[in-house]
Amino acid sequence: MYRIGKRKKVDRELIWWFEIPAFDIRRAQLFYETILRMKMEYEENDLYKTAFFPFFNDMIGGSIVEGHGYTPSGEGSKIYLNGHPNLQDILDRIPDAGGEILVQKTKSSSNYFAWFKDTEGNKIALYSKE
C-alpha cells in the first residue's frame, strides 16, 4: 500500500457493483449505449428489467434496473463513469441522446470531471485524465 495525498491505497477494489435506477429501461439503455458507444445485455424476470454494462477484465460492473425499489433521483450517491481518454467525447453526445449536462468538463487537481442528468433523472458523473 502507498499513499496518494492523504488517501490510502488498498489492495482490492472497494466498489464491486453499481445499479442505476430507471423508469423506462429501454430508454435508459439506449441513452447509455449511445453516449458510451457500447452494447448492453438485456435481461428480464418477474421482478426486474435489467441492462448490463460490459465488464472489463472481470472488474467493477454495473447495470440499469427498472422495478420496485428502483427510483431515479438526482440526490444521494453519485457514480463516476470512466470517460477515458477524454470525457468531452461522451459529454458531446449527451444532449442529442436526451440527457442534460449539469457541469461542463472541469479540471480538478489531477483529472477532469463533468456531471450530467440521464433520461431517467439520475445525476451521473464522468471522469478522465484528459
N, C-alpha and C. Protein backbone atom coordinates (compact mmCIF):
# COMPACT_ATOMS: atom_id res chain seq x y z
N MET A 1 0.83 -1.19 0.00
CA MET A 1 0.00 0.00 0.00
C MET A 1 0.88 1.25 0.00
N TYR A 2 0.36 2.29 -0.62
CA TYR A 2 1.04 3.57 -0.60
C TYR A 2 0.01 4.67 -0.54
N ARG A 3 0.48 5.86 -0.23
CA ARG A 3 -0.42 6.99 -0.07
C ARG A 3 -0.45 7.86 -1.32
N ILE A 4 -1.63 8.37 -1.62
CA ILE A 4 -1.83 9.38 -2.65
C ILE A 4 -2.39 10.57 -1.90
N GLY A 5 -1.55 11.55 -1.64
CA GLY A 5 -2.01 12.65 -0.79
C GLY A 5 -2.34 12.08 0.57
N LYS A 6 -3.54 12.36 1.06
CA LYS A 6 -3.97 11.83 2.36
C LYS A 6 -4.80 10.55 2.20
N ARG A 7 -5.02 10.15 0.94
CA ARG A 7 -5.82 8.95 0.70
C ARG A 7 -4.92 7.72 0.73
N LYS A 8 -5.43 6.66 1.29
CA LYS A 8 -4.67 5.43 1.43
C LYS A 8 -5.03 4.46 0.31
N LYS A 9 -4.05 3.88 -0.34
CA LYS A 9 -4.26 2.89 -1.39
C LYS A 9 -4.50 1.53 -0.73
N VAL A 10 -5.45 0.77 -1.24
CA VAL A 10 -5.75 -0.55 -0.69
C VAL A 10 -5.44 -1.62 -1.73
N ASP A 11 -5.47 -2.87 -1.31
CA ASP A 11 -5.07 -3.96 -2.18
C ASP A 11 -6.22 -4.61 -2.96
N ARG A 12 -7.40 -3.99 -2.96
CA ARG A 12 -8.53 -4.53 -3.70
C ARG A 12 -9.48 -3.40 -4.06
N GLU A 13 -10.35 -3.65 -5.03
CA GLU A 13 -11.38 -2.68 -5.39
C GLU A 13 -12.41 -2.64 -4.27
N LEU A 14 -12.81 -1.47 -3.85
CA LEU A 14 -13.82 -1.35 -2.81
C LEU A 14 -15.23 -1.34 -3.40
N ILE A 15 -15.35 -0.94 -4.64
CA ILE A 15 -16.63 -0.96 -5.32
C ILE A 15 -16.64 -2.19 -6.22
N TRP A 16 -17.72 -2.97 -6.13
CA TRP A 16 -17.81 -4.17 -6.94
C TRP A 16 -18.95 -4.08 -7.95
N TRP A 17 -20.04 -3.45 -7.59
CA TRP A 17 -21.22 -3.41 -8.45
C TRP A 17 -21.98 -2.12 -8.21
N PHE A 18 -22.59 -1.58 -9.25
CA PHE A 18 -23.47 -0.42 -9.09
C PHE A 18 -24.72 -0.65 -9.91
N GLU A 19 -25.80 -0.01 -9.50
CA GLU A 19 -27.06 -0.09 -10.23
C GLU A 19 -27.64 1.31 -10.37
N ILE A 20 -28.03 1.65 -11.58
CA ILE A 20 -28.63 2.94 -11.88
C ILE A 20 -30.13 2.70 -12.09
N PRO A 21 -31.00 3.32 -11.28
CA PRO A 21 -32.43 3.10 -11.43
C PRO A 21 -33.00 3.73 -12.69
N ALA A 22 -34.07 3.11 -13.22
CA ALA A 22 -34.72 3.62 -14.43
C ALA A 22 -36.24 3.53 -14.31
N PHE A 23 -36.93 4.50 -14.91
CA PHE A 23 -38.38 4.41 -15.07
C PHE A 23 -38.70 3.62 -16.34
N ASP A 24 -37.87 3.81 -17.37
CA ASP A 24 -38.07 3.15 -18.67
C ASP A 24 -36.73 2.53 -19.09
N ILE A 25 -36.60 1.23 -18.88
CA ILE A 25 -35.33 0.54 -19.09
C ILE A 25 -34.83 0.66 -20.53
N ARG A 26 -35.72 0.57 -21.50
CA ARG A 26 -35.27 0.63 -22.91
C ARG A 26 -34.78 2.04 -23.26
N ARG A 27 -35.43 3.06 -22.75
CA ARG A 27 -34.98 4.44 -22.99
C ARG A 27 -33.62 4.65 -22.35
N ALA A 28 -33.47 4.20 -21.10
CA ALA A 28 -32.20 4.36 -20.39
C ALA A 28 -31.09 3.56 -21.07
N GLN A 29 -31.40 2.34 -21.50
CA GLN A 29 -30.41 1.51 -22.18
C GLN A 29 -29.93 2.20 -23.46
N LEU A 30 -30.85 2.71 -24.26
CA LEU A 30 -30.49 3.40 -25.49
C LEU A 30 -29.62 4.63 -25.19
N PHE A 31 -29.96 5.38 -24.15
CA PHE A 31 -29.18 6.55 -23.77
C PHE A 31 -27.73 6.17 -23.48
N TYR A 32 -27.51 5.19 -22.60
CA TYR A 32 -26.14 4.81 -22.24
C TYR A 32 -25.39 4.13 -23.38
N GLU A 33 -26.08 3.34 -24.19
CA GLU A 33 -25.42 2.74 -25.36
C GLU A 33 -24.97 3.83 -26.33
N THR A 34 -25.78 4.88 -26.46
CA THR A 34 -25.46 5.98 -27.38
C THR A 34 -24.29 6.80 -26.87
N ILE A 35 -24.33 7.23 -25.62
CA ILE A 35 -23.26 8.13 -25.15
C ILE A 35 -21.95 7.39 -24.92
N LEU A 36 -22.01 6.12 -24.52
CA LEU A 36 -20.79 5.35 -24.25
C LEU A 36 -20.33 4.52 -25.45
N ARG A 37 -21.13 4.49 -26.49
CA ARG A 37 -20.83 3.74 -27.71
C ARG A 37 -20.47 2.28 -27.43
N MET A 38 -21.39 1.61 -26.78
CA MET A 38 -21.22 0.19 -26.50
C MET A 38 -22.59 -0.45 -26.36
N LYS A 39 -22.64 -1.77 -26.48
CA LYS A 39 -23.89 -2.51 -26.36
C LYS A 39 -24.03 -3.08 -24.96
N MET A 40 -25.26 -3.10 -24.48
CA MET A 40 -25.57 -3.65 -23.17
C MET A 40 -26.43 -4.90 -23.35
N GLU A 41 -26.26 -5.85 -22.46
CA GLU A 41 -27.09 -7.06 -22.47
C GLU A 41 -28.34 -6.79 -21.64
N TYR A 42 -29.50 -7.24 -22.18
CA TYR A 42 -30.78 -7.03 -21.53
C TYR A 42 -31.29 -8.34 -20.95
N GLU A 43 -31.87 -8.25 -19.76
CA GLU A 43 -32.42 -9.43 -19.10
C GLU A 43 -33.67 -9.01 -18.34
N GLU A 44 -34.65 -9.89 -18.30
CA GLU A 44 -35.90 -9.57 -17.62
C GLU A 44 -36.37 -10.78 -16.83
N ASN A 45 -36.90 -10.53 -15.63
CA ASN A 45 -37.55 -11.59 -14.85
C ASN A 45 -38.87 -11.05 -14.31
N ASP A 46 -39.51 -11.78 -13.43
CA ASP A 46 -40.82 -11.36 -12.91
C ASP A 46 -40.77 -10.06 -12.12
N LEU A 47 -39.60 -9.71 -11.57
CA LEU A 47 -39.47 -8.54 -10.70
C LEU A 47 -38.78 -7.34 -11.35
N TYR A 48 -37.76 -7.61 -12.17
CA TYR A 48 -36.90 -6.53 -12.65
C TYR A 48 -36.58 -6.66 -14.13
N LYS A 49 -36.35 -5.50 -14.74
CA LYS A 49 -35.80 -5.42 -16.09
C LYS A 49 -34.42 -4.82 -15.92
N THR A 50 -33.40 -5.45 -16.51
CA THR A 50 -32.02 -5.04 -16.27
C THR A 50 -31.24 -4.98 -17.58
N ALA A 51 -30.44 -3.94 -17.74
CA ALA A 51 -29.49 -3.83 -18.85
C ALA A 51 -28.10 -3.73 -18.22
N PHE A 52 -27.21 -4.65 -18.62
CA PHE A 52 -25.89 -4.76 -18.01
C PHE A 52 -24.82 -4.03 -18.81
N PHE A 53 -24.02 -3.22 -18.10
CA PHE A 53 -22.83 -2.62 -18.70
C PHE A 53 -21.81 -3.74 -18.91
N PRO A 54 -21.01 -3.67 -19.98
CA PRO A 54 -20.00 -4.71 -20.19
C PRO A 54 -18.92 -4.67 -19.10
N PHE A 55 -18.39 -5.83 -18.77
CA PHE A 55 -17.28 -5.93 -17.82
C PHE A 55 -15.96 -5.70 -18.52
N PHE A 56 -14.98 -5.23 -17.81
CA PHE A 56 -13.61 -5.12 -18.30
C PHE A 56 -12.74 -5.94 -17.37
N ASN A 57 -12.16 -7.00 -17.85
CA ASN A 57 -11.27 -7.87 -17.06
C ASN A 57 -11.91 -8.33 -15.76
N ASP A 58 -13.21 -8.63 -15.79
CA ASP A 58 -13.93 -9.10 -14.60
C ASP A 58 -13.78 -8.14 -13.42
N MET A 59 -13.67 -6.88 -13.71
CA MET A 59 -13.56 -5.87 -12.66
C MET A 59 -14.94 -5.33 -12.31
N ILE A 60 -15.00 -4.13 -11.85
CA ILE A 60 -16.24 -3.49 -11.41
C ILE A 60 -17.29 -3.57 -12.53
N GLY A 61 -18.51 -3.92 -12.15
CA GLY A 61 -19.59 -4.00 -13.12
C GLY A 61 -20.80 -3.24 -12.62
N GLY A 62 -21.79 -3.13 -13.50
CA GLY A 62 -23.00 -2.44 -13.10
C GLY A 62 -24.11 -2.64 -14.09
N SER A 63 -25.25 -2.07 -13.76
CA SER A 63 -26.42 -2.24 -14.62
C SER A 63 -27.39 -1.08 -14.42
N ILE A 64 -28.37 -1.04 -15.32
CA ILE A 64 -29.51 -0.16 -15.19
C ILE A 64 -30.67 -1.08 -14.81
N VAL A 65 -31.48 -0.67 -13.84
CA VAL A 65 -32.55 -1.55 -13.36
C VAL A 65 -33.88 -0.80 -13.28
N GLU A 66 -34.92 -1.42 -13.82
CA GLU A 66 -36.29 -0.93 -13.68
C GLU A 66 -37.06 -1.94 -12.84
N GLY A 67 -37.71 -1.46 -11.80
CA GLY A 67 -38.51 -2.36 -10.96
C GLY A 67 -38.76 -1.75 -9.59
N HIS A 68 -39.52 -2.46 -8.78
CA HIS A 68 -39.86 -2.00 -7.43
C HIS A 68 -38.60 -1.70 -6.62
N GLY A 69 -38.57 -0.54 -5.99
CA GLY A 69 -37.42 -0.15 -5.17
C GLY A 69 -36.34 0.59 -5.93
N TYR A 70 -36.50 0.77 -7.24
CA TYR A 70 -35.52 1.49 -8.06
C TYR A 70 -36.16 2.76 -8.59
N THR A 71 -35.92 3.87 -7.90
CA THR A 71 -36.50 5.16 -8.26
C THR A 71 -35.38 6.12 -8.64
N PRO A 72 -35.33 6.56 -9.89
CA PRO A 72 -34.30 7.51 -10.30
C PRO A 72 -34.35 8.79 -9.48
N SER A 73 -33.17 9.39 -9.25
CA SER A 73 -33.09 10.60 -8.45
C SER A 73 -31.79 11.33 -8.75
N GLY A 74 -31.83 12.63 -8.60
CA GLY A 74 -30.63 13.44 -8.71
C GLY A 74 -29.96 13.63 -7.35
N GLU A 75 -30.49 13.01 -6.33
CA GLU A 75 -29.98 13.14 -4.96
C GLU A 75 -29.27 11.84 -4.55
N GLY A 76 -28.48 11.90 -3.51
CA GLY A 76 -27.85 10.70 -2.98
C GLY A 76 -26.48 10.44 -3.59
N SER A 77 -26.10 9.19 -3.64
CA SER A 77 -24.77 8.80 -4.13
C SER A 77 -24.59 9.19 -5.59
N LYS A 78 -23.35 9.48 -5.95
CA LYS A 78 -23.03 9.82 -7.33
C LYS A 78 -22.05 8.79 -7.88
N ILE A 79 -22.32 8.29 -9.06
CA ILE A 79 -21.45 7.34 -9.74
C ILE A 79 -20.60 8.12 -10.73
N TYR A 80 -19.30 7.84 -10.76
CA TYR A 80 -18.40 8.42 -11.75
C TYR A 80 -18.07 7.34 -12.77
N LEU A 81 -18.53 7.53 -14.00
CA LEU A 81 -18.21 6.60 -15.08
C LEU A 81 -16.89 7.01 -15.72
N ASN A 82 -16.15 6.03 -16.18
CA ASN A 82 -14.86 6.27 -16.81
C ASN A 82 -15.07 6.91 -18.18
N GLY A 83 -14.57 8.10 -18.36
CA GLY A 83 -14.67 8.82 -19.62
C GLY A 83 -13.41 8.76 -20.45
N HIS A 84 -12.54 7.80 -20.16
CA HIS A 84 -11.23 7.66 -20.81
C HIS A 84 -11.37 7.59 -22.32
N PRO A 85 -10.53 8.21 -23.10
CA PRO A 85 -9.39 9.01 -22.66
C PRO A 85 -9.76 10.48 -22.39
N ASN A 86 -10.85 10.96 -23.02
CA ASN A 86 -11.25 12.35 -22.84
C ASN A 86 -12.77 12.40 -22.70
N LEU A 87 -13.27 12.76 -21.54
CA LEU A 87 -14.71 12.72 -21.27
C LEU A 87 -15.51 13.65 -22.16
N GLN A 88 -14.87 14.61 -22.80
CA GLN A 88 -15.59 15.55 -23.66
C GLN A 88 -16.28 14.82 -24.81
N ASP A 89 -15.67 13.72 -25.30
CA ASP A 89 -16.27 12.95 -26.39
C ASP A 89 -17.64 12.42 -25.98
N ILE A 90 -17.76 11.92 -24.75
CA ILE A 90 -19.04 11.41 -24.24
C ILE A 90 -19.99 12.57 -23.96
N LEU A 91 -19.47 13.62 -23.33
CA LEU A 91 -20.28 14.79 -22.98
C LEU A 91 -20.97 15.38 -24.22
N ASP A 92 -20.26 15.40 -25.33
CA ASP A 92 -20.82 15.96 -26.57
C ASP A 92 -22.03 15.19 -27.08
N ARG A 93 -22.14 13.90 -26.74
CA ARG A 93 -23.27 13.09 -27.22
C ARG A 93 -24.49 13.14 -26.29
N ILE A 94 -24.34 13.66 -25.09
CA ILE A 94 -25.42 13.62 -24.09
C ILE A 94 -26.68 14.38 -24.51
N PRO A 95 -26.59 15.63 -24.96
CA PRO A 95 -27.83 16.34 -25.31
C PRO A 95 -28.65 15.65 -26.41
N ASP A 96 -27.99 15.18 -27.46
CA ASP A 96 -28.72 14.53 -28.56
C ASP A 96 -29.31 13.19 -28.14
N ALA A 97 -28.76 12.58 -27.09
CA ALA A 97 -29.27 11.30 -26.60
C ALA A 97 -30.41 11.50 -25.59
N GLY A 98 -30.71 12.75 -25.25
CA GLY A 98 -31.84 13.03 -24.36
C GLY A 98 -31.45 13.40 -22.95
N GLY A 99 -30.15 13.51 -22.67
CA GLY A 99 -29.69 13.90 -21.34
C GLY A 99 -29.42 15.39 -21.25
N GLU A 100 -28.98 15.83 -20.08
CA GLU A 100 -28.71 17.25 -19.83
C GLU A 100 -27.36 17.38 -19.13
N ILE A 101 -26.51 18.25 -19.63
CA ILE A 101 -25.22 18.50 -18.99
C ILE A 101 -25.45 19.45 -17.83
N LEU A 102 -25.03 19.04 -16.64
CA LEU A 102 -25.21 19.85 -15.43
C LEU A 102 -23.95 20.63 -15.09
N VAL A 103 -22.79 20.00 -15.24
CA VAL A 103 -21.49 20.65 -15.02
C VAL A 103 -20.61 20.29 -16.20
N GLN A 104 -20.15 21.31 -16.94
CA GLN A 104 -19.27 21.09 -18.07
C GLN A 104 -17.95 20.48 -17.60
N LYS A 105 -17.14 20.02 -18.53
CA LYS A 105 -15.83 19.46 -18.22
C LYS A 105 -15.06 20.45 -17.36
N THR A 106 -14.59 19.97 -16.20
CA THR A 106 -13.94 20.82 -15.21
C THR A 106 -12.65 20.17 -14.76
N LYS A 107 -11.59 20.95 -14.64
CA LYS A 107 -10.28 20.44 -14.18
C LYS A 107 -10.25 20.43 -12.66
N SER A 108 -9.83 19.29 -12.11
CA SER A 108 -9.54 19.23 -10.67
C SER A 108 -8.03 19.12 -10.54
N SER A 109 -7.53 18.73 -9.39
CA SER A 109 -6.08 18.72 -9.19
C SER A 109 -5.33 17.79 -10.14
N SER A 110 -5.88 16.61 -10.47
CA SER A 110 -5.13 15.68 -11.31
C SER A 110 -5.98 15.03 -12.41
N ASN A 111 -7.20 15.51 -12.62
CA ASN A 111 -8.06 14.90 -13.63
C ASN A 111 -9.15 15.88 -14.03
N TYR A 112 -10.10 15.38 -14.79
CA TYR A 112 -11.25 16.17 -15.22
C TYR A 112 -12.53 15.44 -14.83
N PHE A 113 -13.58 16.20 -14.61
CA PHE A 113 -14.88 15.61 -14.31
C PHE A 113 -15.98 16.45 -14.94
N ALA A 114 -17.16 15.86 -15.07
CA ALA A 114 -18.36 16.55 -15.53
C ALA A 114 -19.55 15.82 -14.94
N TRP A 115 -20.68 16.50 -14.83
CA TRP A 115 -21.90 15.88 -14.32
C TRP A 115 -22.98 16.02 -15.38
N PHE A 116 -23.84 15.01 -15.45
CA PHE A 116 -24.98 15.10 -16.35
C PHE A 116 -26.20 14.43 -15.73
N LYS A 117 -27.37 14.74 -16.27
CA LYS A 117 -28.61 14.10 -15.88
C LYS A 117 -29.00 13.17 -17.02
N ASP A 118 -29.26 11.91 -16.71
CA ASP A 118 -29.64 10.96 -17.76
C ASP A 118 -31.12 11.09 -18.08
N THR A 119 -31.62 10.27 -18.98
CA THR A 119 -33.02 10.35 -19.41
C THR A 119 -34.00 10.00 -18.30
N GLU A 120 -33.51 9.38 -17.22
CA GLU A 120 -34.37 8.97 -16.12
C GLU A 120 -34.37 9.96 -14.96
N GLY A 121 -33.48 10.95 -15.00
CA GLY A 121 -33.40 11.95 -13.93
C GLY A 121 -32.29 11.71 -12.94
N ASN A 122 -31.44 10.68 -13.18
CA ASN A 122 -30.30 10.42 -12.30
C ASN A 122 -29.17 11.39 -12.59
N LYS A 123 -28.47 11.84 -11.55
CA LYS A 123 -27.29 12.67 -11.71
C LYS A 123 -26.08 11.75 -11.71
N ILE A 124 -25.36 11.71 -12.84
CA ILE A 124 -24.22 10.82 -13.03
C ILE A 124 -23.02 11.69 -13.37
N ALA A 125 -21.83 11.21 -13.03
CA ALA A 125 -20.61 11.97 -13.32
C ALA A 125 -19.71 11.19 -14.27
N LEU A 126 -18.84 11.91 -14.94
CA LEU A 126 -17.80 11.33 -15.79
C LEU A 126 -16.45 11.75 -15.24
N TYR A 127 -15.44 10.93 -15.47
CA TYR A 127 -14.08 11.19 -15.02
C TYR A 127 -13.12 10.82 -16.13
N SER A 128 -12.05 11.61 -16.32
CA SER A 128 -10.99 11.23 -17.25
C SER A 128 -9.71 11.99 -16.90
N LYS A 129 -8.60 11.48 -17.39
CA LYS A 129 -7.30 12.11 -17.17
C LYS A 129 -7.09 13.31 -18.10
N GLU A 130 -7.75 13.29 -19.26
CA GLU A 130 -7.62 14.38 -20.23
C GLU A 130 -8.88 15.21 -20.28
